[in-house]
Amino acid sequence: MTTAAIDIVILGRPYKVACPAGQEVALQRAAETLNERIRNFKQSGKAGSNEQIAIMLALNISHELELEKDKNYQYADAMDKRIKMLQHTIEEALANKVG
């Protein structure tokens, strides 16, 4: 897989970051979202050093990711149960039609 180097700015500091080709726009959006969250965090009055801000935001984002993973798992589990129920219903209908 090829990679592309893009320039992003986080906390006012420029970074050159490698990312998979075709994912440049998504990475730029992620950087913009992070910068927005940093600004919001600083405006909330909870801001400390840049390191503290980075750690708190990393923790918040990790927590959000875990919540989304859990929702995704629950959705996939519900869909799996629904598919099995539909498959069972179809099999019963076919068995009754044949019989």
PDB file of N, CA and C in Angstrom:
ATOM      1  N   MET A   1       0.848  -1.172   0.000  1.00  0.00           N
ATOM      2  CA  MET A   1       0.000   0.000   0.000  1.00  0.00           C
ATOM      3  C   MET A   1       0.898   1.241   0.000  1.00  0.00           C
ATOM      4  N   THR A   2       0.548   2.192  -0.818  1.00  0.00           N
ATOM      5  CA  THR A   2       1.349   3.411  -0.900  1.00  0.00           C
ATOM      6  C   THR A   2       0.909   4.397   0.179  1.00  0.00           C
ATOM      7  N   THR A   3       1.840   5.248   0.549  1.00  0.00           N
ATOM      8  CA  THR A   3       1.528   6.265   1.545  1.00  0.00           C
ATOM      9  C   THR A   3       1.782   7.642   0.963  1.00  0.00           C
ATOM     10  N   ALA A   4       1.103   8.601   1.537  1.00  0.00           N
ATOM     11  CA  ALA A   4       1.281   9.993   1.139  1.00  0.00           C
ATOM     12  C   ALA A   4       1.666  10.781   2.383  1.00  0.00           C
ATOM     13  N   ALA A   5       2.499  11.773   2.214  1.00  0.00           N
ATOM     14  CA  ALA A   5       2.881  12.641   3.329  1.00  0.00           C
ATOM     15  C   ALA A   5       2.057  13.915   3.247  1.00  0.00           C
ATOM     16  N   ILE A   6       1.432  14.270   4.350  1.00  0.00           N
ATOM     17  CA  ILE A   6       0.654  15.507   4.376  1.00  0.00           C
ATOM     18  C   ILE A   6       1.112  16.350   5.564  1.00  0.00           C
ATOM     19  N   ASP A   7       0.862  17.631   5.463  1.00  0.00           N
ATOM     20  CA  ASP A   7       1.202  18.559   6.535  1.00  0.00           C
ATOM     21  C   ASP A   7      -0.059  18.879   7.320  1.00  0.00           C
ATOM     22  N   ILE A   8       0.027  18.726   8.635  1.00  0.00           N
ATOM     23  CA  ILE A   8      -1.075  19.100   9.516  1.00  0.00           C
ATOM     24  C   ILE A   8      -0.513  19.990  10.618  1.00  0.00           C
ATOM     25  N   VAL A   9      -1.402  20.707  11.287  1.00  0.00           N
ATOM     26  CA  VAL A   9      -0.992  21.569  12.394  1.00  0.00           C
ATOM     27  C   VAL A   9      -1.823  21.183  13.610  1.00  0.00           C
ATOM     28  N   ILE A  10      -1.136  20.848  14.704  1.00  0.00           N
ATOM     29  CA  ILE A  10      -1.790  20.507  15.967  1.00  0.00           C
ATOM     30  C   ILE A  10      -1.186  21.396  17.047  1.00  0.00           C
ATOM     31  N   LEU A  11      -2.034  22.033  17.826  1.00  0.00           N
ATOM     32  CA  LEU A  11      -1.577  22.945  18.879  1.00  0.00           C
ATOM     33  C   LEU A  11      -0.617  23.993  18.333  1.00  0.00           C
ATOM     34  N   GLY A  12      -0.883  24.431  17.099  1.00  0.00           N
ATOM     35  CA  GLY A  12      -0.056  25.460  16.483  1.00  0.00           C
ATOM     36  C   GLY A  12       1.290  24.982  15.968  1.00  0.00           C
ATOM     37  N   ARG A  13       1.543  23.692  16.072  1.00  0.00           N
ATOM     38  CA  ARG A  13       2.827  23.150  15.614  1.00  0.00           C
ATOM     39  C   ARG A  13       2.611  22.323  14.349  1.00  0.00           C
ATOM     40  N   PRO A  14       3.437  22.546  13.336  1.00  0.00           N
ATOM     41  CA  PRO A  14       3.291  21.781  12.091  1.00  0.00           C
ATOM     42  C   PRO A  14       3.895  20.380  12.233  1.00  0.00           C
ATOM     43  N   TYR A  15       3.241  19.426  11.602  1.00  0.00           N
ATOM     44  CA  TYR A  15       3.726  18.046  11.563  1.00  0.00           C
ATOM     45  C   TYR A  15       3.590  17.534  10.140  1.00  0.00           C
ATOM     46  N   LYS A  16       4.542  16.756   9.700  1.00  0.00           N
ATOM     47  CA  LYS A  16       4.437  16.045   8.432  1.00  0.00           C
ATOM     48  C   LYS A  16       4.097  14.605   8.807  1.00  0.00           C
ATOM     49  N   VAL A  17       2.970  14.136   8.308  1.00  0.00           N
ATOM     50  CA  VAL A  17       2.446  12.837   8.708  1.00  0.00           C
ATOM     51  C   VAL A  17       2.243  11.960   7.482  1.00  0.00           C
ATOM     52  N   ALA A  18       2.656  10.711   7.590  1.00  0.00           N
ATOM     53  CA  ALA A  18       2.418   9.747   6.511  1.00  0.00           C
ATOM     54  C   ALA A  18       1.065   9.087   6.748  1.00  0.00           C
ATOM     55  N   CYS A  19       0.324   8.907   5.672  1.00  0.00           N
ATOM     56  CA  CYS A  19      -0.955   8.212   5.782  1.00  0.00           C
ATOM     57  C   CYS A  19      -1.188   7.431   4.499  1.00  0.00           C
ATOM     58  N   PRO A  20      -2.054   6.424   4.549  1.00  0.00           N
ATOM     59  CA  PRO A  20      -2.339   5.657   3.339  1.00  0.00           C
ATOM     60  C   PRO A  20      -2.875   6.569   2.236  1.00  0.00           C
ATOM     61  N   ALA A  21      -2.446   6.309   1.023  1.00  0.00           N
ATOM     62  CA  ALA A  21      -2.919   7.089  -0.120  1.00  0.00           C
ATOM     63  C   ALA A  21      -4.442   7.027  -0.168  1.00  0.00           C
ATOM     64  N   GLY A  22      -5.046   8.159  -0.424  1.00  0.00           N
ATOM     65  CA  GLY A  22      -6.503   8.234  -0.488  1.00  0.00           C
ATOM     66  C   GLY A  22      -7.146   8.607   0.838  1.00  0.00           C
ATOM     67  N   GLN A  23      -6.374   8.604   1.913  1.00  0.00           N
ATOM     68  CA  GLN A  23      -6.909   8.931   3.230  1.00  0.00           C
ATOM     69  C   GLN A  23      -6.512  10.330   3.703  1.00  0.00           C
ATOM     70  N   GLU A  24      -5.925  11.102   2.808  1.00  0.00           N
ATOM     71  CA  GLU A  24      -5.431  12.429   3.181  1.00  0.00           C
ATOM     72  C   GLU A  24      -6.538  13.337   3.710  1.00  0.00           C
ATOM     73  N   VAL A  25      -7.671  13.354   3.039  1.00  0.00           N
ATOM     74  CA  VAL A  25      -8.776  14.233   3.445  1.00  0.00           C
ATOM     75  C   VAL A  25      -9.290  13.826   4.821  1.00  0.00           C
ATOM     76  N   ALA A  26      -9.418  12.533   5.051  1.00  0.00           N
ATOM     77  CA  ALA A  26      -9.897  12.055   6.352  1.00  0.00           C
ATOM     78  C   ALA A  26      -8.923  12.436   7.462  1.00  0.00           C
ATOM     79  N   LEU A  27      -7.629  12.329   7.198  1.00  0.00           N
ATOM     80  CA  LEU A  27      -6.640  12.698   8.207  1.00  0.00           C
ATOM     81  C   LEU A  27      -6.656  14.203   8.465  1.00  0.00           C
ATOM     82  N   GLN A  28      -6.831  15.000   7.415  1.00  0.00           N
ATOM     83  CA  GLN A  28      -6.944  16.455   7.598  1.00  0.00           C
ATOM     84  C   GLN A  28      -8.166  16.788   8.458  1.00  0.00           C
ATOM     85  N   ARG A  29      -9.290  16.112   8.185  1.00  0.00           N
ATOM     86  CA  ARG A  29     -10.505  16.337   8.986  1.00  0.00           C
ATOM     87  C   ARG A  29     -10.271  15.951  10.439  1.00  0.00           C
ATOM     88  N   ALA A  30      -9.562  14.839  10.653  1.00  0.00           N
ATOM     89  CA  ALA A  30      -9.259  14.407  12.020  1.00  0.00           C
ATOM     90  C   ALA A  30      -8.415  15.456  12.736  1.00  0.00           C
ATOM     91  N   ALA A  31      -7.443  16.017  12.033  1.00  0.00           N
ATOM     92  CA  ALA A  31      -6.598  17.063  12.628  1.00  0.00           C
ATOM     93  C   ALA A  31      -7.427  18.304  12.953  1.00  0.00           C
ATOM     94  N   GLU A  32      -8.340  18.680  12.060  1.00  0.00           N
ATOM     95  CA  GLU A  32      -9.203  19.838  12.303  1.00  0.00           C
ATOM     96  C   GLU A  32     -10.111  19.595  13.507  1.00  0.00           C
ATOM     97  N   THR A  33     -10.660  18.385  13.595  1.00  0.00           N
ATOM     98  CA  THR A  33     -11.512  18.033  14.729  1.00  0.00           C
ATOM     99  C   THR A  33     -10.722  18.091  16.027  1.00  0.00           C
ATOM    100  N   LEU A  34      -9.513  17.566  16.005  1.00  0.00           N
ATOM    101  CA  LEU A  34      -8.672  17.597  17.198  1.00  0.00           C
ATOM    102  C   LEU A  34      -8.366  19.031  17.610  1.00  0.00           C
ATOM    103  N   ASN A  35      -8.012  19.869  16.656  1.00  0.00           N
ATOM    104  CA  ASN A  35      -7.737  21.272  16.972  1.00  0.00           C
ATOM    105  C   ASN A  35      -8.967  21.965  17.555  1.00  0.00           C
ATOM    106  N   GLU A  36     -10.134  21.659  17.016  1.00  0.00           N
ATOM    107  CA  GLU A  36     -11.372  22.244  17.539  1.00  0.00           C
ATOM    108  C   GLU A  36     -11.608  21.787  18.974  1.00  0.00           C
ATOM    109  N   ARG A  37     -11.375  20.520  19.232  1.00  0.00           N
ATOM    110  CA  ARG A  37     -11.562  20.000  20.587  1.00  0.00           C
ATOM    111  C   ARG A  37     -10.545  20.609  21.553  1.00  0.00           C
ATOM    112  N   ILE A  38      -9.337  20.834  21.072  1.00  0.00           N
ATOM    113  CA  ILE A  38      -8.318  21.487  21.901  1.00  0.00           C
ATOM    114  C   ILE A  38      -8.776  22.899  22.259  1.00  0.00           C
ATOM    115  N   ARG A  39      -9.268  23.641  21.254  1.00  0.00           N
ATOM    116  CA  ARG A  39      -9.761  25.003  21.509  1.00  0.00           C
ATOM    117  C   ARG A  39     -10.893  24.985  22.539  1.00  0.00           C
ATOM    118  N   ASN A  40     -11.843  24.068  22.355  1.00  0.00           N
ATOM    119  CA  ASN A  40     -12.973  23.969  23.285  1.00  0.00           C
ATOM    120  C   ASN A  40     -12.503  23.622  24.693  1.00  0.00           C
ATOM    121  N   PHE A  41     -11.541  22.716  24.771  1.00  0.00           N
ATOM    122  CA  PHE A  41     -11.013  22.311  26.074  1.00  0.00           C
ATOM    123  C   PHE A  41     -10.335  23.488  26.760  1.00  0.00           C
ATOM    124  N   LYS A  42      -9.557  24.242  25.991  1.00  0.00           N
ATOM    125  CA  LYS A  42      -8.875  25.410  26.561  1.00  0.00           C
ATOM    126  C   LYS A  42      -9.883  26.462  27.012  1.00  0.00           C
ATOM    127  N   GLN A  43     -10.958  26.662  26.238  1.00  0.00           N
ATOM    128  CA  GLN A  43     -11.970  27.661  26.582  1.00  0.00           C
ATOM    129  C   GLN A  43     -12.791  27.257  27.801  1.00  0.00           C
ATOM    130  N   SER A  44     -12.831  25.964  28.094  1.00  0.00           N
ATOM    131  CA  SER A  44     -13.613  25.495  29.239  1.00  0.00           C
ATOM    132  C   SER A  44     -12.965  25.862  30.564  1.00  0.00           C
ATOM    133  N   GLY A  45     -11.712  26.300  30.503  1.00  0.00           N
ATOM    134  CA  GLY A  45     -11.010  26.677  31.725  1.00  0.00           C
ATOM    135  C   GLY A  45     -10.319  25.513  32.406  1.00  0.00           C
ATOM    136  N   LYS A  46     -10.398  24.314  31.814  1.00  0.00           N
ATOM    137  CA  LYS A  46      -9.784  23.127  32.409  1.00  0.00           C
ATOM    138  C   LYS A  46      -8.366  22.909  31.902  1.00  0.00           C
ATOM    139  N   ALA A  47      -7.929  23.783  31.019  1.00  0.00           N
ATOM    140  CA  ALA A  47      -6.654  23.566  30.341  1.00  0.00           C
ATOM    141  C   ALA A  47      -5.481  23.700  31.290  1.00  0.00           C
ATOM    142  N   GLY A  48      -4.503  22.872  31.052  1.00  0.00           N
ATOM    143  CA  GLY A  48      -3.231  22.946  31.758  1.00  0.00           C
ATOM    144  C   GLY A  48      -2.154  23.055  30.703  1.00  0.00           C
ATOM    145  N   SER A  49      -1.143  22.256  30.840  1.00  0.00           N
ATOM    146  CA  SER A  49      -0.080  22.237  29.838  1.00  0.00           C
ATOM    147  C   SER A  49      -0.585  21.533  28.579  1.00  0.00           C
ATOM    148  N   ASN A  50       0.136  21.712  27.489  1.00  0.00           N
ATOM    149  CA  ASN A  50      -0.233  21.027  26.252  1.00  0.00           C
ATOM    150  C   ASN A  50      -0.230  19.518  26.447  1.00  0.00           C
ATOM    151  N   GLU A  51       0.696  19.015  27.268  1.00  0.00           N
ATOM    152  CA  GLU A  51       0.747  17.576  27.538  1.00  0.00           C
ATOM    153  C   GLU A  51      -0.512  17.119  28.269  1.00  0.00           C
ATOM    154  N   GLN A  52      -0.956  17.885  29.262  1.00  0.00           N
ATOM    155  CA  GLN A  52      -2.176  17.535  29.988  1.00  0.00           C
ATOM    156  C   GLN A  52      -3.388  17.572  29.064  1.00  0.00           C
ATOM    157  N   ILE A  53      -3.446  18.581  28.214  1.00  0.00           N
ATOM    158  CA  ILE A  53      -4.549  18.683  27.253  1.00  0.00           C
ATOM    159  C   ILE A  53      -4.548  17.469  26.337  1.00  0.00           C
ATOM    160  N   ALA A  54      -3.378  17.112  25.811  1.00  0.00           N
ATOM    161  CA  ALA A  54      -3.276  15.971  24.899  1.00  0.00           C
ATOM    162  C   ALA A  54      -3.706  14.679  25.590  1.00  0.00           C
ATOM    163  N   ILE A  55      -3.288  14.493  26.838  1.00  0.00           N
ATOM    164  CA  ILE A  55      -3.653  13.275  27.566  1.00  0.00           C
ATOM    165  C   ILE A  55      -5.149  13.235  27.832  1.00  0.00           C
ATOM    166  N   MET A  56      -5.733  14.340  28.268  1.00  0.00           N
ATOM    167  CA  MET A  56      -7.166  14.358  28.550  1.00  0.00           C
ATOM    168  C   MET A  56      -7.990  14.129  27.287  1.00  0.00           C
ATOM    169  N   LEU A  57      -7.588  14.768  26.190  1.00  0.00           N
ATOM    170  CA  LEU A  57      -8.319  14.563  24.938  1.00  0.00           C
ATOM    171  C   LEU A  57      -8.139  13.143  24.425  1.00  0.00           C
ATOM    172  N   ALA A  58      -6.945  12.584  24.563  1.00  0.00           N
ATOM    173  CA  ALA A  58      -6.722  11.191  24.149  1.00  0.00           C
ATOM    174  C   ALA A  58      -7.614  10.257  24.959  1.00  0.00           C
ATOM    175  N   LEU A  59      -7.719  10.511  26.252  1.00  0.00           N
ATOM    176  CA  LEU A  59      -8.579   9.695  27.103  1.00  0.00           C
ATOM    177  C   LEU A  59     -10.043   9.845  26.698  1.00  0.00           C
ATOM    178  N   ASN A  60     -10.491  11.078  26.466  1.00  0.00           N
ATOM    179  CA  ASN A  60     -11.877  11.307  26.042  1.00  0.00           C
ATOM    180  C   ASN A  60     -12.177  10.619  24.718  1.00  0.00           C
ATOM    181  N   ILE A  61     -11.272  10.754  23.762  1.00  0.00           N
ATOM    182  CA  ILE A  61     -11.478  10.154  22.443  1.00  0.00           C
ATOM    183  C   ILE A  61     -11.454   8.630  22.539  1.00  0.00           C
ATOM    184  N   SER A  62     -10.557   8.083  23.359  1.00  0.00           N
ATOM    185  CA  SER A  62     -10.507   6.629  23.554  1.00  0.00           C
ATOM    186  C   SER A  62     -11.805   6.125  24.170  1.00  0.00           C
ATOM    187  N   HIS A  63     -12.335   6.878  25.131  1.00  0.00           N
ATOM    188  CA  HIS A  63     -13.594   6.497  25.759  1.00  0.00           C
ATOM    189  C   HIS A  63     -14.732   6.516  24.738  1.00  0.00           C
ATOM    190  N   GLU A  64     -14.793   7.565  23.928  1.00  0.00           N
ATOM    191  CA  GLU A  64     -15.817   7.649  22.888  1.00  0.00           C
ATOM    192  C   GLU A  64     -15.696   6.484  21.913  1.00  0.00           C
ATOM    193  N   LEU A  65     -14.469   6.123  21.556  1.00  0.00           N
ATOM    194  CA  LEU A  65     -14.249   4.995  20.648  1.00  0.00           C
ATOM    195  C   LEU A  65     -14.766   3.703  21.268  1.00  0.00           C
ATOM    196  N   GLU A  66     -14.485   3.485  22.552  1.00  0.00           N
ATOM    197  CA  GLU A  66     -14.970   2.279  23.227  1.00  0.00           C
ATOM    198  C   GLU A  66     -16.492   2.236  23.250  1.00  0.00           C
ATOM    199  N   LEU A  67     -17.134   3.378  23.498  1.00  0.00           N
ATOM    200  CA  LEU A  67     -18.601   3.428  23.481  1.00  0.00           C
ATOM    201  C   LEU A  67     -19.142   3.089  22.100  1.00  0.00           C
ATOM    202  N   GLU A  68     -18.514   3.628  21.054  1.00  0.00           N
ATOM    203  CA  GLU A  68     -18.956   3.349  19.685  1.00  0.00           C
ATOM    204  C   GLU A  68     -18.731   1.885  19.318  1.00  0.00           C
ATOM    205  N   LYS A  69     -17.616   1.314  19.759  1.00  0.00           N
ATOM    206  CA  LYS A  69     -17.358  -0.107  19.504  1.00  0.00           C
ATOM    207  C   LYS A  69     -18.426  -0.968  20.167  1.00  0.00           C
ATOM    208  N   ASP A  70     -18.799  -0.589  21.395  1.00  0.00           N
ATOM    209  CA  ASP A  70     -19.822  -1.334  22.112  1.00  0.00           C
ATOM    210  C   ASP A  70     -21.161  -1.233  21.394  1.00  0.00           C
ATOM    211  N   LYS A  71     -21.513  -0.024  20.937  1.00  0.00           N
ATOM    212  CA  LYS A  71     -22.762   0.144  20.183  1.00  0.00           C
ATOM    213  C   LYS A  71     -22.736  -0.686  18.905  1.00  0.00           C
ATOM    214  N   ASN A  72     -21.593  -0.687  18.222  1.00  0.00           N
ATOM    215  CA  ASN A  72     -21.452  -1.450  16.992  1.00  0.00           C
ATOM    216  C   ASN A  72     -21.605  -2.947  17.265  1.00  0.00           C
ATOM    217  N   TYR A  73     -20.991  -3.421  18.354  1.00  0.00           N
ATOM    218  CA  TYR A  73     -21.107  -4.833  18.720  1.00  0.00           C
ATOM    219  C   TYR A  73     -22.563  -5.182  19.013  1.00  0.00           C
ATOM    220  N   GLN A  74     -23.251  -4.326  19.784  1.00  0.00           N
ATOM    221  CA  GLN A  74     -24.648  -4.586  20.111  1.00  0.00           C
ATOM    222  C   GLN A  74     -25.517  -4.598  18.853  1.00  0.00           C
ATOM    223  N   TYR A  75     -25.254  -3.680  17.935  1.00  0.00           N
ATOM    224  CA  TYR A  75     -26.008  -3.630  16.685  1.00  0.00           C
ATOM    225  C   TYR A  75     -25.756  -4.891  15.861  1.00  0.00           C
ATOM    226  N   ALA A  76     -24.488  -5.291  15.745  1.00  0.00           N
ATOM    227  CA  ALA A  76     -24.150  -6.492  14.977  1.00  0.00           C
ATOM    228  C   ALA A  76     -24.790  -7.723  15.604  1.00  0.00           C
ATOM    229  N   ASP A  77     -24.800  -7.794  16.925  1.00  0.00           N
ATOM    230  CA  ASP A  77     -25.412  -8.922  17.619  1.00  0.00           C
ATOM    231  C   ASP A  77     -26.916  -8.949  17.367  1.00  0.00           C
ATOM    232  N   ALA A  78     -27.565  -7.789  17.429  1.00  0.00           N
ATOM    233  CA  ALA A  78     -29.006  -7.714  17.175  1.00  0.00           C
ATOM    234  C   ALA A  78     -29.322  -8.114  15.734  1.00  0.00           C
ATOM    235  N   MET A  79     -28.492  -7.669  14.779  1.00  0.00           N
ATOM    236  CA  MET A  79     -28.714  -8.027  13.376  1.00  0.00           C
ATOM    237  C   MET A  79     -28.494  -9.522  13.154  1.00  0.00           C
ATOM    238  N   ASP A  80     -27.508 -10.095  13.819  1.00  0.00           N
ATOM    239  CA  ASP A  80     -27.253 -11.531  13.702  1.00  0.00           C
ATOM    240  C   ASP A  80     -28.460 -12.319  14.202  1.00  0.00           C
ATOM    241  N   LYS A  81     -29.021 -11.910  15.334  1.00  0.00           N
ATOM    242  CA  LYS A  81     -30.209 -12.584  15.872  1.00  0.00           C
ATOM    243  C   LYS A  81     -31.389 -12.429  14.927  1.00  0.00           C
ATOM    244  N   ARG A  82     -31.530 -11.248  14.359  1.00  0.00           N
ATOM    245  CA  ARG A  82     -32.650 -11.010  13.444  1.00  0.00           C
ATOM    246  C   ARG A  82     -32.508 -11.845  12.174  1.00  0.00           C
ATOM    247  N   ILE A  83     -31.296 -11.930  11.650  1.00  0.00           N
ATOM    248  CA  ILE A  83     -31.047 -12.742  10.451  1.00  0.00           C
ATOM    249  C   ILE A  83     -31.358 -14.205  10.737  1.00  0.00           C
ATOM    250  N   LYS A  84     -30.929 -14.706  11.896  1.00  0.00           N
ATOM    251  CA  LYS A  84     -31.212 -16.102  12.256  1.00  0.00           C
ATOM    252  C   LYS A  84     -32.706 -16.341  12.380  1.00  0.00           C
ATOM    253  N   MET A  85     -33.434 -15.368  12.954  1.00  0.00           N
ATOM    254  CA  MET A  85     -34.877 -15.495  13.082  1.00  0.00           C
ATOM    255  C   MET A  85     -35.541 -15.518  11.699  1.00  0.00           C
ATOM    256  N   LEU A  86     -35.103 -14.627  10.805  1.00  0.00           N
ATOM    257  CA  LEU A  86     -35.657 -14.600   9.450  1.00  0.00           C
ATOM    258  C   LEU A  86     -35.329 -15.887   8.698  1.00  0.00           C
ATOM    259  N   GLN A  87     -34.107 -16.375   8.872  1.00  0.00           N
ATOM    260  CA  GLN A  87     -33.715 -17.622   8.218  1.00  0.00           C
ATOM    261  C   GLN A  87     -34.587 -18.773   8.716  1.00  0.00           C
ATOM    262  N   HIS A  88     -34.829 -18.809  10.022  1.00  0.00           N
ATOM    263  CA  HIS A  88     -35.677 -19.850  10.594  1.00  0.00           C
ATOM    264  C   HIS A  88     -37.103 -19.738  10.053  1.00  0.00           C
ATOM    265  N   THR A  89     -37.626 -18.518   9.962  1.00  0.00           N
ATOM    266  CA  THR A  89     -38.977 -18.299   9.446  1.00  0.00           C
ATOM    267  C   THR A  89     -39.085 -18.756   7.995  1.00  0.00           C
ATOM    268  N   ILE A  90     -38.074 -18.439   7.187  1.00  0.00           N
ATOM    269  CA  ILE A  90     -38.067 -18.851   5.778  1.00  0.00           C
ATOM    270  C   ILE A  90     -37.999 -20.364   5.670  1.00  0.00           C
ATOM    271  N   GLU A  91     -37.135 -20.981   6.465  1.00  0.00           N
ATOM    272  CA  GLU A  91     -37.018 -22.442   6.431  1.00  0.00           C
ATOM    273  C   GLU A  91     -38.326 -23.111   6.823  1.00  0.00           C
ATOM    274  N   GLU A  92     -39.013 -22.577   7.841  1.00  0.00           N
ATOM    275  CA  GLU A  92     -40.310 -23.127   8.247  1.00  0.00           C
ATOM    276  C   GLU A  92     -41.343 -22.963   7.142  1.00  0.00           C
ATOM    277  N   ALA A  93     -41.354 -21.789   6.505  1.00  0.00           N
ATOM    278  CA  ALA A  93     -42.314 -21.544   5.427  1.00  0.00           C
ATOM    279  C   ALA A  93     -42.068 -22.496   4.266  1.00  0.00           C
ATOM    280  N   LEU A  94     -40.811 -22.705   3.919  1.00  0.00           N
ATOM    281  CA  LEU A  94     -40.491 -23.632   2.831  1.00  0.00           C
ATOM    282  C   LEU A  94     -40.840 -25.064   3.205  1.00  0.00           C
ATOM    283  N   ALA A  95     -40.598 -25.440   4.446  1.00  0.00           N
ATOM    284  CA  ALA A  95     -40.917 -26.799   4.895  1.00  0.00           C
ATOM    285  C   ALA A  95     -42.425 -27.024   4.868  1.00  0.00           C
ATOM    286  N   ASN A  96     -43.203 -26.026   5.276  1.00  0.00           N
ATOM    287  CA  ASN A  96     -44.663 -26.147   5.262  1.00  0.00           C
ATOM    288  C   ASN A  96     -45.201 -26.181   3.845  1.00  0.00           C
ATOM    289  N   LYS A  97     -44.558 -25.471   2.923  1.00  0.00           N
ATOM    290  CA  LYS A  97     -44.995 -25.449   1.538  1.00  0.00           C
ATOM    291  C   LYS A  97     -44.741 -26.805   0.884  1.00  0.00           C
ATOM    292  N   VAL A  98     -43.596 -27.397   1.187  1.00  0.00           N
ATOM    293  CA  VAL A  98     -43.236 -28.698   0.619  1.00  0.00           C
ATOM    294  C   VAL A  98     -44.098 -29.778   1.236  1.00  0.00           C
ATOM    295  N   GLY A  99     -44.320 -29.686   2.535  1.00  0.00           N
ATOM    296  CA  GLY A  99     -45.042 -30.720   3.274  1.00  0.00           C
ATOM    297  C   GLY A  99     -46.489 -30.553   3.119  1.00  0.00           C
TER     298      GLY A  99
END
